[in-house]
């Protein structure tokens, strides 16, 4: 799987959600906030665990 295939797959998967998000921007904002929050939580948790476990 190359980067272009991943971008194309992401475009195909996300396009319906983006169309929905244009109609309901508050719902889209909350969804993005939750997704980015989960990613940040995972990154911080991973960094914290790698720092404490030698």
Protein backbone atom coordinates (compact mmCIF):
# COMPACT_ATOMS: atom_id res chain seq x y z
CA UNK A 1 0.00 0.00 0.00
CA UNK A 2 1.51 3.30 -1.05
CA UNK A 3 0.85 6.79 0.24
CA UNK A 4 -1.33 7.62 -2.76
CA UNK A 5 -3.51 4.57 -2.11
CA UNK A 6 -3.91 5.59 1.53
CA UNK A 7 -4.86 9.13 0.57
CA UNK A 8 -7.38 7.84 -1.97
CA UNK A 9 -8.85 5.43 0.59
CA UNK A 10 -9.06 8.23 3.16
CA UNK A 11 -10.82 10.43 0.60
CA UNK A 12 -13.37 7.73 -0.23
CA UNK A 13 -14.04 6.99 3.45
CA UNK A 14 -14.16 10.60 4.70
CA UNK A 15 -16.07 12.29 1.87
CA UNK A 16 -19.57 11.25 3.10
CA UNK A 17 -18.74 12.50 6.60
CA UNK A 18 -17.50 15.81 5.20
CA UNK A 19 -20.74 16.29 3.27
CA UNK A 20 -22.65 15.60 6.49
CA UNK A 21 -20.34 17.96 8.36
CA UNK A 22 -21.10 20.82 6.00
CA UNK A 23 -24.79 20.52 6.88
CA UNK A 24 -24.16 20.23 10.64
CA UNK A 25 -20.92 22.07 11.48
CA UNK A 26 -21.33 21.78 15.27
CA UNK A 27 -21.55 17.98 15.07
CA UNK A 28 -18.50 17.90 12.79
CA UNK A 29 -16.53 20.13 15.19
CA UNK A 30 -17.38 17.91 18.17
CA UNK A 31 -16.46 14.78 16.19
CA UNK A 32 -13.11 16.25 15.14
CA UNK A 33 -12.45 17.37 18.71
CA UNK A 34 -13.08 13.82 19.98
CA UNK A 35 -10.92 12.22 17.28
CA UNK A 36 -7.99 14.59 17.80
CA UNK A 37 -8.38 14.25 21.56
CA UNK A 38 -8.15 10.47 21.31
CA UNK A 39 -5.04 10.74 19.12
CA UNK A 40 -3.43 13.20 21.53
CA UNK A 41 -4.30 11.00 24.51
CA UNK A 42 -2.73 7.97 22.83
CA UNK A 43 0.40 9.92 21.92
CA UNK A 44 0.81 11.37 25.41
CA UNK A 45 0.11 8.03 27.06
CA UNK A 46 2.68 6.35 24.83
CA UNK A 47 5.29 9.03 25.55
CA UNK A 48 4.64 8.83 29.28
CA UNK A 49 4.88 5.04 29.35
CA UNK A 50 8.09 4.98 27.30
CA UNK A 51 9.66 7.53 29.65
CA UNK A 52 8.87 5.60 32.83
CA UNK A 53 9.69 2.09 31.58
CA UNK A 54 13.36 1.67 30.84
